[in-house]
C-alpha atoms as a PDB file:
ATOM      1  CA  MET A   1      73.091 100.396  92.755  1.00  0.00           C
ATOM      2  CA  TRP A   2      75.326 101.399  95.787  1.00  0.00           C
ATOM      3  CA  SER A   3      78.565 101.763  93.904  1.00  0.00           C
ATOM      4  CA  GLY A   4      78.455 105.547  93.992  1.00  0.00           C
ATOM      5  CA  THR A   5      78.346 105.968  97.704  1.00  0.00           C
ATOM      6  CA  PRO A   6      81.337 105.652 100.100  1.00  0.00           C
ATOM      7  CA  LEU A   7      79.587 103.217 102.370  1.00  0.00           C
ATOM      8  CA  PHE A   8      79.098 100.745  99.569  1.00  0.00           C
ATOM      9  CA  PRO A   9      82.289 100.601  97.335  1.00  0.00           C
ATOM     10  CA  GLU A  10      82.152  98.580  94.028  1.00  0.00           C
ATOM     11  CA  GLN A  11      82.550  94.911  94.233  1.00  0.00           C
ATOM     12  CA  ALA A  12      85.846  94.193  92.387  1.00  0.00           C
ATOM     13  CA  SER A  13      86.950  90.720  93.682  1.00  0.00           C
ATOM     14  CA  THR A  14      85.911  87.177  94.150  1.00  0.00           C
ATOM     15  CA  MET A  15      85.369  87.666  97.934  1.00  0.00           C
ATOM     16  CA  ALA A  16      83.413  90.919  97.753  1.00  0.00           C
ATOM     17  CA  GLY A  17      80.191  89.463  97.241  1.00  0.00           C
ATOM     18  CA  ARG A  18      80.468  86.888  99.881  1.00  0.00           C
ATOM     19  CA  VAL A  19      81.527  89.594 102.434  1.00  0.00           C
ATOM     20  CA  ASP A  20      78.666  91.835 101.485  1.00  0.00           C
ATOM     21  CA  ALA A  21      76.146  88.946 101.686  1.00  0.00           C
ATOM     22  CA  LEU A  22      77.282  88.237 105.265  1.00  0.00           C
ATOM     23  CA  TYR A  23      77.251  91.990 106.084  1.00  0.00           C
ATOM     24  CA  PHE A  24      73.888  92.473 104.839  1.00  0.00           C
ATOM     25  CA  PHE A  25      72.503  89.329 106.553  1.00  0.00           C
ATOM     26  CA  LEU A  26      73.841  90.820 109.963  1.00  0.00           C
ATOM     27  CA  ILE A  27      72.147  94.214 109.250  1.00  0.00           C
ATOM     28  CA  ALA A  28      68.943  92.461 108.289  1.00  0.00           C
ATOM     29  CA  VAL A  29      68.908  90.313 111.476  1.00  0.00           C
ATOM     30  CA  SER A  30      69.712  93.187 113.696  1.00  0.00           C
ATOM     31  CA  ALA A  31      67.239  95.550 112.071  1.00  0.00           C
ATOM     32  CA  PHE A  32      64.489  92.991 112.247  1.00  0.00           C
ATOM     33  CA  PHE A  33      64.840  92.210 115.876  1.00  0.00           C
ATOM     34  CA  SER A  34      65.422  95.921 116.764  1.00  0.00           C
ATOM     35  CA  ILE A  35      62.132  96.754 115.223  1.00  0.00           C
ATOM     36  CA  LEU A  36      60.379  93.774 116.567  1.00  0.00           C
ATOM     37  CA  ILE A  37      61.437  94.388 120.230  1.00  0.00           C
ATOM     38  CA  ALA A  38      60.895  98.126 120.089  1.00  0.00           C
ATOM     39  CA  GLY A  39      57.386  97.482 118.486  1.00  0.00           C
ATOM     40  CA  LEU A  40      56.342  94.913 121.093  1.00  0.00           C
ATOM     41  CA  ILE A  41      57.635  97.262 123.936  1.00  0.00           C
ATOM     42  CA  VAL A  42      55.353  99.897 122.679  1.00  0.00           C
ATOM     43  CA  PHE A  43      52.476  97.564 121.926  1.00  0.00           C
ATOM     44  CA  TYR A  44      52.547  96.086 125.277  1.00  0.00           C
ATOM     45  CA  ALA A  45      53.090  99.449 127.130  1.00  0.00           C
ATOM     46  CA  VAL A  46      49.812 100.822 125.445  1.00  0.00           C
ATOM     47  CA  LYS A  47      47.869  97.396 125.740  1.00  0.00           C
ATOM     48  CA  TYR A  48      48.589  96.624 129.377  1.00  0.00           C
ATOM     49  CA  ARG A  49      48.941 100.313 130.716  1.00  0.00           C
ATOM     50  CA  ARG A  50      47.303 101.094 134.049  1.00  0.00           C
ATOM     51  CA  ARG A  51      43.900 102.407 133.557  1.00  0.00           C
ATOM     52  CA  ASP A  52      43.018 102.815 137.080  1.00  0.00           C
ATOM     53  CA  PRO A  53      45.401 104.136 139.757  1.00  0.00           C
ATOM     54  CA  ASN A  54      44.140 101.440 142.190  1.00  0.00           C
ATOM     55  CA  SER A  55      44.412  98.574 139.845  1.00  0.00           C
ATOM     56  CA  VAL A  56      46.697  95.543 140.244  1.00  0.00           C
ATOM     57  CA  GLY A  57      48.166  93.525 137.615  1.00  0.00           C
ATOM     58  CA  ALA A  58      47.456  89.844 137.236  1.00  0.00           C
ATOM     59  CA  SER A  59      50.288  87.367 138.057  1.00  0.00           C
ATOM     60  CA  GLY A  60      52.082  86.000 135.309  1.00  0.00           C
ATOM     61  CA  HIS A  61      53.409  82.454 134.892  1.00  0.00           C
ATOM     62  CA  GLY A  62      56.079  81.268 132.503  1.00  0.00           C
ATOM     63  CA  GLY A  63      55.461  78.584 129.852  1.00  0.00           C
ATOM     64  CA  MET A  64      57.984  75.874 128.801  1.00  0.00           C
ATOM     65  CA  ALA A  65      57.060  76.343 125.226  1.00  0.00           C
ATOM     66  CA  LEU A  66      57.988  80.049 125.261  1.00  0.00           C
ATOM     67  CA  GLU A  67      61.165  79.534 127.105  1.00  0.00           C
ATOM     68  CA  ILE A  68      62.262  76.857 124.643  1.00  0.00           C
ATOM     69  CA  THR A  69      61.403  78.962 121.737  1.00  0.00           C
ATOM     70  CA  TRP A  70      63.420  82.064 122.626  1.00  0.00           C
ATOM     71  CA  LEU A  71      66.421  79.837 123.462  1.00  0.00           C
ATOM     72  CA  VAL A  72      66.323  77.775 120.228  1.00  0.00           C
ATOM     73  CA  ILE A  73      65.651  80.726 117.840  1.00  0.00           C
ATOM     74  CA  PRO A  74      68.695  82.875 119.001  1.00  0.00           C
ATOM     75  CA  PHE A  75      70.875  79.665 119.131  1.00  0.00           C
ATOM     76  CA  VAL A  76      69.966  78.751 115.516  1.00  0.00           C
ATOM     77  CA  ILE A  77      70.512  82.275 114.385  1.00  0.00           C
ATOM     78  CA  SER A  78      73.931  82.506 116.127  1.00  0.00           C
ATOM     79  CA  MET A  79      75.089  79.155 114.586  1.00  0.00           C
ATOM     80  CA  VAL A  80      74.199  80.418 111.082  1.00  0.00           C
ATOM     81  CA  ILE A  81      76.316  83.425 111.744  1.00  0.00           C
ATOM     82  CA  PHE A  82      79.118  81.519 113.188  1.00  0.00           C
ATOM     83  CA  VAL A  83      79.227  78.895 110.353  1.00  0.00           C
ATOM     84  CA  TRP A  84      78.681  81.610 107.585  1.00  0.00           C
ATOM     85  CA  GLY A  85      81.372  83.783 109.125  1.00  0.00           C
ATOM     86  CA  ALA A  86      83.828  81.049 109.609  1.00  0.00           C
ATOM     87  CA  SER A  87      83.580  79.915 105.936  1.00  0.00           C
ATOM     88  CA  VAL A  88      84.121  83.547 104.683  1.00  0.00           C
ATOM     89  CA  TYR A  89      87.077  83.848 107.137  1.00  0.00           C
ATOM     90  CA  PHE A  90      88.697  80.681 106.130  1.00  0.00           C
ATOM     91  CA  ALA A  91      88.294  81.534 102.351  1.00  0.00           C
ATOM     92  CA  ILE A  92      89.938  85.083 102.973  1.00  0.00           C
ATOM     93  CA  SER A  93      92.700  83.501 105.206  1.00  0.00           C
ATOM     94  CA  ARG A  94      93.740  80.680 102.892  1.00  0.00           C
ATOM     95  CA  PRO A  95      95.182  81.901  99.471  1.00  0.00           C
ATOM     96  CA  PRO A  96      95.086  79.309  96.528  1.00  0.00           C
ATOM     97  CA  ASP A  97      97.953  77.199  95.691  1.00  0.00           C
ATOM     98  CA  GLU A  98      98.704  79.087  92.476  1.00  0.00           C
ATOM     99  CA  THR A  99      99.166  82.981  93.165  1.00  0.00           C
ATOM    100  CA  ILE A 100     101.064  85.897  91.859  1.00  0.00           C
ATOM    101  CA  ASN A 101     103.369  86.627  94.807  1.00  0.00           C
ATOM    102  CA  VAL A 102     104.128  90.249  95.569  1.00  0.00           C
ATOM    103  CA  TYR A 103     106.191  91.626  98.438  1.00  0.00           C
ATOM    104  CA  ALA A 104     104.825  94.671 100.351  1.00  0.00           C
ATOM    105  CA  VAL A 105     106.577  96.875 102.652  1.00  0.00           C
ATOM    106  CA  GLY A 106     104.899  99.614 104.849  1.00  0.00           C
ATOM    107  CA  LYS A 107     106.923 102.583 105.905  1.00  0.00           C
ATOM    108  CA  GLN A 108     105.829 105.970 107.217  1.00  0.00           C
ATOM    109  CA  TRP A 109     104.096 107.109 105.080  1.00  0.00           C
ATOM    110  CA  MET A 110     104.150 104.961 101.892  1.00  0.00           C
ATOM    111  CA  TRP A 111     103.651 101.575 100.508  1.00  0.00           C
ATOM    112  CA  LYS A 112     106.573  99.900  98.612  1.00  0.00           C
ATOM    113  CA  PHE A 113     105.714  96.856  96.272  1.00  0.00           C
ATOM    114  CA  GLN A 114     108.273  94.442  94.842  1.00  0.00           C
ATOM    115  CA  HIS A 115     107.347  92.038  92.148  1.00  0.00           C
ATOM    116  CA  LEU A 116     109.311  88.699  91.708  1.00  0.00           C
ATOM    117  CA  ASP A 117     110.328  89.811  88.241  1.00  0.00           C
ATOM    118  CA  GLY A 118     112.093  92.938  89.476  1.00  0.00           C
ATOM    119  CA  GLN A 119     109.418  95.626  89.041  1.00  0.00           C
ATOM    120  CA  ARG A 120     109.259  98.001  92.072  1.00  0.00           C
ATOM    121  CA  GLU A 121     106.407 100.352  92.686  1.00  0.00           C
ATOM    122  CA  ILE A 122     105.560 102.974  95.468  1.00  0.00           C
ATOM    123  CA  ASN A 123     101.853 103.582  96.331  1.00  0.00           C
ATOM    124  CA  GLU A 124     100.863 101.653  93.187  1.00  0.00           C
ATOM    125  CA  LEU A 125     100.251  98.143  92.606  1.00  0.00           C
ATOM    126  CA  HIS A 126      99.689  96.570  89.125  1.00  0.00           C
ATOM    127  CA  VAL A 127      97.936  93.268  89.015  1.00  0.00           C
ATOM    128  CA  PRO A 128      96.078  91.259  86.240  1.00  0.00           C
ATOM    129  CA  VAL A 129      92.409  90.736  86.285  1.00  0.00           C
ATOM    130  CA  GLY A 130      91.307  87.158  87.010  1.00  0.00           C
ATOM    131  CA  ARG A 131      94.382  86.078  88.807  1.00  0.00           C
ATOM    132  CA  PRO A 132      94.776  85.473  92.528  1.00  0.00           C
ATOM    133  CA  VAL A 133      97.436  87.700  94.022  1.00  0.00           C
ATOM    134  CA  LYS A 134      99.072  87.185  97.206  1.00  0.00           C
ATOM    135  CA  LEU A 135     100.885  90.013  99.233  1.00  0.00           C
ATOM    136  CA  ILE A 136     103.605  88.984 101.501  1.00  0.00           C
ATOM    137  CA  MET A 137     103.825  91.971 103.815  1.00  0.00           C
ATOM    138  CA  THR A 138     106.041  93.479 106.483  1.00  0.00           C
ATOM    139  CA  SER A 139     106.710  96.944 108.045  1.00  0.00           C
ATOM    140  CA  GLU A 140     109.916  98.940 108.356  1.00  0.00           C
ATOM    141  CA  ASP A 141     108.740 100.817 111.362  1.00  0.00           C
ATOM    142  CA  VAL A 142     105.204 100.662 113.097  1.00  0.00           C
ATOM    143  CA  ILE A 143     102.058  98.646 112.509  1.00  0.00           C
ATOM    144  CA  HIS A 144     100.296  99.580 109.360  1.00  0.00           C
ATOM    145  CA  ASP A 145      97.265  97.816 107.693  1.00  0.00           C
ATOM    146  CA  VAL A 146      96.459  97.110 104.088  1.00  0.00           C
ATOM    147  CA  PHE A 147      92.886  97.769 103.108  1.00  0.00           C
ATOM    148  CA  VAL A 148      91.391  97.730  99.676  1.00  0.00           C
ATOM    149  CA  PRO A 149      87.642  98.452 100.068  1.00  0.00           C
ATOM    150  CA  ALA A 150      86.663  97.304  96.601  1.00  0.00           C
ATOM    151  CA  PHE A 151      88.185  93.891  97.267  1.00  0.00           C
ATOM    152  CA  ARG A 152      86.771  93.698 100.850  1.00  0.00           C
ATOM    153  CA  VAL A 153      90.294  92.721 102.085  1.00  0.00           C
ATOM    154  CA  LYS A 154      92.260  93.976 105.165  1.00  0.00           C
ATOM    155  CA  ALA A 155      95.217  92.627 107.085  1.00  0.00           C
ATOM    156  CA  ASP A 156      97.768  94.160 109.461  1.00  0.00           C
ATOM    157  CA  VAL A 157     101.407  94.806 108.449  1.00  0.00           C
ATOM    158  CA  ILE A 158     103.447  94.107 111.343  1.00  0.00           C
ATOM    159  CA  PRO A 159     107.268  95.042 111.925  1.00  0.00           C
ATOM    160  CA  GLY A 160     109.512  91.934 112.302  1.00  0.00           C
ATOM    161  CA  ARG A 161     107.279  89.468 110.807  1.00  0.00           C
ATOM    162  CA  TYR A 162     105.492  88.452 107.611  1.00  0.00           C
ATOM    163  CA  THR A 163     101.559  88.426 107.136  1.00  0.00           C
ATOM    164  CA  ASN A 164      99.795  87.457 104.041  1.00  0.00           C
ATOM    165  CA  LEU A 165      96.728  88.768 102.151  1.00  0.00           C
ATOM    166  CA  TRP A 166      95.351  87.496  99.040  1.00  0.00           C
ATOM    167  CA  PHE A 167      92.653  88.820  96.568  1.00  0.00           C
ATOM    168  CA  GLN A 168      91.520  87.839  92.987  1.00  0.00           C
ATOM    169  CA  PRO A 169      90.238  91.010  90.965  1.00  0.00           C
ATOM    170  CA  THR A 170      87.248  90.637  88.787  1.00  0.00           C
ATOM    171  CA  LYS A 171      87.017  94.006  87.024  1.00  0.00           C
ATOM    172  CA  PRO A 172      89.754  96.122  85.400  1.00  0.00           C
ATOM    173  CA  GLY A 173      90.269  99.573  86.926  1.00  0.00           C
ATOM    174  CA  ARG A 174      91.855 101.609  89.701  1.00  0.00           C
ATOM    175  CA  TYR A 175      90.990 100.954  93.283  1.00  0.00           C
ATOM    176  CA  HIS A 176      91.794 102.902  96.379  1.00  0.00           C
ATOM    177  CA  LEU A 177      94.366 101.393  98.938  1.00  0.00           C
ATOM    178  CA  PHE A 178      94.341 102.684 102.429  1.00  0.00           C
ATOM    179  CA  CYS A 179      96.345 102.140 105.655  1.00  0.00           C
ATOM    180  CA  ALA A 180      93.710 101.270 108.031  1.00  0.00           C
ATOM    181  CA  GLU A 181      95.912 101.496 111.344  1.00  0.00           C
ATOM    182  CA  TYR A 182      96.717 104.764 112.826  1.00  0.00           C
ATOM    183  CA  CYS A 183     100.475 104.996 112.163  1.00  0.00           C
ATOM    184  CA  GLY A 184     101.425 108.435 112.926  1.00  0.00           C
ATOM    185  CA  THR A 185     100.698 112.232 111.980  1.00  0.00           C
ATOM    186  CA  ARG A 186     100.417 111.438 108.300  1.00  0.00           C
ATOM    187  CA  HIS A 187      98.539 108.303 108.580  1.00  0.00           C
ATOM    188  CA  SER A 188      95.596 109.874 106.381  1.00  0.00           C
ATOM    189  CA  GLY A 189      98.024 110.437 103.561  1.00  0.00           C
ATOM    190  CA  MET A 190      99.328 106.902 103.529  1.00  0.00           C
ATOM    191  CA  THR A 191      97.154 105.926 100.478  1.00  0.00           C
ATOM    192  CA  GLY A 192      97.727 104.379  97.091  1.00  0.00           C
ATOM    193  CA  GLU A 193      96.075 102.526  94.170  1.00  0.00           C
ATOM    194  CA  VAL A 194      95.697  98.986  93.112  1.00  0.00           C
ATOM    195  CA  ILE A 195      95.587  99.039  89.141  1.00  0.00           C
ATOM    196  CA  VAL A 196      93.926  96.016  87.709  1.00  0.00           C
ATOM    197  CA  MET A 197      94.805  95.389  84.146  1.00  0.00           C
ATOM    198  CA  GLU A 198      93.729  93.043  81.432  1.00  0.00           C
ATOM    199  CA  PRO A 199      96.243  90.143  81.201  1.00  0.00           C
ATOM    200  CA  ASN A 200      97.861  91.211  78.063  1.00  0.00           C
ATOM    201  CA  ASP A 201      98.055  94.764  79.210  1.00  0.00           C
ATOM    202  CA  TYR A 202      99.771  93.600  82.440  1.00  0.00           C
ATOM    203  CA  GLN A 203     102.308  91.392  80.599  1.00  0.00           C
ATOM    204  CA  THR A 204     103.183  94.407  78.585  1.00  0.00           C
ATOM    205  CA  TRP A 205     103.627  96.588  81.711  1.00  0.00           C
ATOM    206  CA  LEU A 206     105.617  93.789  83.354  1.00  0.00           C
ATOM    207  CA  SER A 207     107.874  93.053  80.387  1.00  0.00           C
ATOM    208  CA  GLY A 208     109.538  96.399  81.114  1.00  0.00           C
ATOM    209  CA  GLY A 209     111.231  94.708  83.771  1.00  0.00           C
ATOM    210  CA  ALA A 210     113.872  96.154  86.151  1.00  0.00           C
ATOM    211  CA  PRO A 211     117.498  96.900  85.265  1.00  0.00           C
ATOM    212  CA  GLU A 212     118.946  94.694  87.881  1.00  0.00           C
ATOM    213  CA  GLY A 213     116.750  91.712  86.924  1.00  0.00           C
ATOM    214  CA  SER A 214     114.346  89.644  89.008  1.00  0.00           C
ATOM    215  CA  LEU A 215     114.207  89.742  92.861  1.00  0.00           C
ATOM    216  CA  ALA A 216     115.804  86.309  93.186  1.00  0.00           C
ATOM    217  CA  THR A 217     118.672  87.469  90.976  1.00  0.00           C
ATOM    218  CA  THR A 218     119.109  90.547  93.204  1.00  0.00           C
ATOM    219  CA  GLY A 219     119.184  88.300  96.196  1.00  0.00           C
ATOM    220  CA  ALA A 220     121.767  85.843  94.613  1.00  0.00           C
ATOM    221  CA  LYS A 221     124.289  88.951  94.137  1.00  0.00           C
ATOM    222  CA  LEU A 222     123.607  90.027  97.633  1.00  0.00           C
ATOM    223  CA  PHE A 223     124.095  86.549  99.045  1.00  0.00           C
ATOM    224  CA  SER A 224     127.538  86.597  97.258  1.00  0.00           C
ATOM    225  CA  ASP A 225     128.407  90.148  98.343  1.00  0.00           C
ATOM    226  CA  LEU A 226     127.767  89.145 101.993  1.00  0.00           C
ATOM    227  CA  ALA A 227     129.813  86.148 101.536  1.00  0.00           C
ATOM    228  CA  CYS A 228     127.072  83.930 102.576  1.00  0.00           C
ATOM    229  CA  ASN A 229     128.229  81.396  99.988  1.00  0.00           C
ATOM    230  CA  THR A 230     131.336  80.543 102.004  1.00  0.00           C
ATOM    231  CA  CYS A 231     129.411  78.883 104.699  1.00  0.00           C
ATOM    232  CA  HIS A 232     126.145  77.751 102.915  1.00  0.00           C
ATOM    233  CA  ARG A 233     127.866  75.619  99.993  1.00  0.00           C
ATOM    234  CA  PRO A 234     125.954  73.298  97.917  1.00  0.00           C
ATOM    235  CA  ASP A 235     128.480  70.412  98.339  1.00  0.00           C
ATOM    236  CA  ALA A 236     127.781  70.459 102.059  1.00  0.00           C
ATOM    237  CA  GLN A 237     131.463  71.230 102.967  1.00  0.00           C
ATOM    238  CA  GLY A 238     130.477  74.609 104.537  1.00  0.00           C
ATOM    239  CA  ARG A 239     129.896  75.542 108.175  1.00  0.00           C
ATOM    240  CA  GLY A 240     126.097  76.238 107.417  1.00  0.00           C
ATOM    241  CA  PRO A 241     123.306  74.137 106.212  1.00  0.00           C
ATOM    242  CA  VAL A 242     122.859  73.429 102.395  1.00  0.00           C
ATOM    243  CA  LEU A 243     120.148  75.880 101.194  1.00  0.00           C
ATOM    244  CA  GLU A 244     119.319  74.103  97.902  1.00  0.00           C
ATOM    245  CA  GLY A 245     115.924  72.396  98.266  1.00  0.00           C
ATOM    246  CA  LEU A 246     115.644  73.513 101.795  1.00  0.00           C
ATOM    247  CA  PHE A 247     112.588  75.900 101.594  1.00  0.00           C
ATOM    248  CA  GLY A 248     109.309  74.507 102.409  1.00  0.00           C
ATOM    249  CA  LYS A 249     110.897  71.481 104.187  1.00  0.00           C
ATOM    250  CA  THR A 250     110.669  70.626 107.841  1.00  0.00           C
ATOM    251  CA  ILE A 251     114.077  70.665 109.959  1.00  0.00           C
ATOM    252  CA  THR A 252     114.750  69.542 113.547  1.00  0.00           C
ATOM    253  CA  LEU A 253     116.577  72.138 115.788  1.00  0.00           C
ATOM    254  CA  GLN A 254     119.176  71.589 118.450  1.00  0.00           C
ATOM    255  CA  SER A 255     116.321  71.924 121.015  1.00  0.00           C
ATOM    256  CA  GLY A 256     114.518  68.935 119.431  1.00  0.00           C
ATOM    257  CA  GLU A 257     111.748  71.143 118.086  1.00  0.00           C
ATOM    258  CA  THR A 258     110.724  70.897 114.408  1.00  0.00           C
ATOM    259  CA  VAL A 259     110.203  73.976 112.269  1.00  0.00           C
ATOM    260  CA  THR A 260     109.013  74.523 108.608  1.00  0.00           C
ATOM    261  CA  ILE A 261     111.224  76.567 106.431  1.00  0.00           C
ATOM    262  CA  ASP A 262     109.073  79.631 105.339  1.00  0.00           C
ATOM    263  CA  GLU A 263     109.731  83.253 104.688  1.00  0.00           C
ATOM    264  CA  ALA A 264     109.449  84.187 108.324  1.00  0.00           C
ATOM    265  CA  TYR A 265     112.221  81.552 109.361  1.00  0.00           C
ATOM    266  CA  VAL A 266     114.537  82.660 106.598  1.00  0.00           C
ATOM    267  CA  ARG A 267     114.131  86.179 107.776  1.00  0.00           C
ATOM    268  CA  GLU A 268     114.596  85.464 111.313  1.00  0.00           C
ATOM    269  CA  SER A 269     117.821  83.341 110.495  1.00  0.00           C
ATOM    270  CA  ILE A 270     119.356  86.388 108.821  1.00  0.00           C
ATOM    271  CA  LEU A 271     118.584  88.836 111.507  1.00  0.00           C
ATOM    272  CA  THR A 272     118.769  86.685 114.681  1.00  0.00           C
ATOM    273  CA  PRO A 273     120.541  83.521 113.590  1.00  0.00           C
ATOM    274  CA  ALA A 274     121.124  82.243 117.171  1.00  0.00           C
ATOM    275  CA  ALA A 275     117.331  82.018 117.705  1.00  0.00           C
ATOM    276  CA  LYS A 276     116.800  78.710 116.006  1.00  0.00           C
ATOM    277  CA  ILE A 277     119.971  76.530 115.483  1.00  0.00           C
ATOM    278  CA  THR A 278     119.654  73.569 113.023  1.00  0.00           C
ATOM    279  CA  ARG A 279     120.589  70.337 114.666  1.00  0.00           C
ATOM    280  CA  GLY A 280     124.308  69.441 113.756  1.00  0.00           C
ATOM    281  CA  PHE A 281     125.394  72.956 113.351  1.00  0.00           C
ATOM    282  CA  GLN A 282     127.097  75.506 115.572  1.00  0.00           C
ATOM    283  CA  PRO A 283     125.754  78.979 116.365  1.00  0.00           C
ATOM    284  CA  ILE A 284     128.686  80.846 114.419  1.00  0.00           C
ATOM    285  CA  MET A 285     126.580  82.735 111.897  1.00  0.00           C
ATOM    286  CA  PRO A 286     126.810  86.534 112.537  1.00  0.00           C
ATOM    287  CA  THR A 287     123.712  88.787 112.636  1.00  0.00           C
ATOM    288  CA  PHE A 288     122.955  90.971 109.818  1.00  0.00           C
ATOM    289  CA  GLN A 289     120.573  93.165 111.781  1.00  0.00           C
ATOM    290  CA  GLY A 290     121.320  96.734 110.561  1.00  0.00           C
ATOM    291  CA  LEU A 291     123.356  95.634 107.708  1.00  0.00           C
ATOM    292  CA  VAL A 292     120.713  94.700 105.269  1.00  0.00           C
ATOM    293  CA  SER A 293     117.458  96.805 104.511  1.00  0.00           C
ATOM    294  CA  GLU A 294     114.049  95.217 104.441  1.00  0.00           C
ATOM    295  CA  GLU A 295     114.078  95.243 100.532  1.00  0.00           C
ATOM    296  CA  GLN A 296     117.332  93.209 100.613  1.00  0.00           C
ATOM    297  CA  LEU A 297     115.831  90.919 103.258  1.00  0.00           C
ATOM    298  CA  LEU A 298     113.087  90.184 100.759  1.00  0.00           C
ATOM    299  CA  ALA A 299     115.665  89.671  97.906  1.00  0.00           C
ATOM    300  CA  LEU A 300     117.424  87.133 100.060  1.00  0.00           C
ATOM    301  CA  VAL A 301     114.397  85.326 101.002  1.00  0.00           C
ATOM    302  CA  GLU A 302     113.327  85.093  97.408  1.00  0.00           C
ATOM    303  CA  TYR A 303     116.756  83.902  96.541  1.00  0.00           C
ATOM    304  CA  VAL A 304     116.547  81.159  99.095  1.00  0.00           C
ATOM    305  CA  LYS A 305     113.099  80.115  97.850  1.00  0.00           C
ATOM    306  CA  SER A 306     114.366  79.853  94.261  1.00  0.00           C
ATOM    307  CA  LEU A 307     117.183  77.432  95.215  1.00  0.00           C
ATOM    308  CA  LYS A 308     116.178  73.958  93.914  1.00  0.00           C
ATOM    309  CA  THR A 309     117.637  70.616  94.902  1.00  0.00           C
ATOM    310  CA  LEU A 310     120.881  69.837  93.100  1.00  0.00           C
ATOM    311  CA  PRO A 311     120.555  66.983  90.591  1.00  0.00           C
ATOM    312  CA  GLN A 312     121.893  63.588  91.778  1.00  0.00           C
ATOM    313  CA  MET A 313     125.013  62.309  90.042  1.00  0.00           C
ATOM    314  CA  GLN A 314     124.182  58.987  88.223  1.00  0.00           C
ATOM    315  CA  PRO A 315     126.533  56.148  88.763  1.00  0.00           C
ATOM    316  CA  ARG A 316     128.525  55.219  85.630  1.00  0.00           C
END
């Protein structure tokens, strides 16, 4: 009904209906009480108007029932809004376990997307219908913001850290992608499209691949080119921690703190390795700040994620 108007874009994701339902509930509650209060003001202003210049109004006395009523009703409405809003927020902020991961980099004034299979896109993102997609996002310069109105999803893209956003498209088609955070003089031109395809069409598009192979393969080559493999050796004889099977685990730092190895930790370890030193190792790793691009960082992160635990030798 409203799909042709800018204020009501098409619902094209699993979360769109839930977000719209909450939005229209808030509008309905606001409209109801606005009309009720305005109507009562006019009604009582007319009913109890002063008819004689010398008349004096009667004294009013409060009633306990009335006081309780206008405390309980707003409290119940507020709690409904809170619980409903919290459920939608948690659903949006917690991606499913099985997602298609895509790296996104914001840069004045474009969006760059990197698929794990090696496909790279600028201002376009191809995804399959019916599959949850998670964007792992960062910025090369200033704060940007990914906003896809048809999916009802929006998240800041912040330089120096990773943020996540997920959606599950329900309809094939082309959907507008905007930057919703003012990022400079050409902010209004920082737009793109999310192209939702049928699964077979998506696999056909994806099968084109990239000449250099997957993102993890690119990271493996860069890992070797930067001589990272001389310190991070799988036989534990290097001067750095063994990376095989490390991603997702919890480690102890020299300070006694514990951290979980995730994308943000790997990125920080590459750029500022002295920030968090693993217990049992010395702060000898050099910084690669300014030596690797944001896309190369993504490749290195994905390579570390791809490393699996080495098989154990069976005794003879």
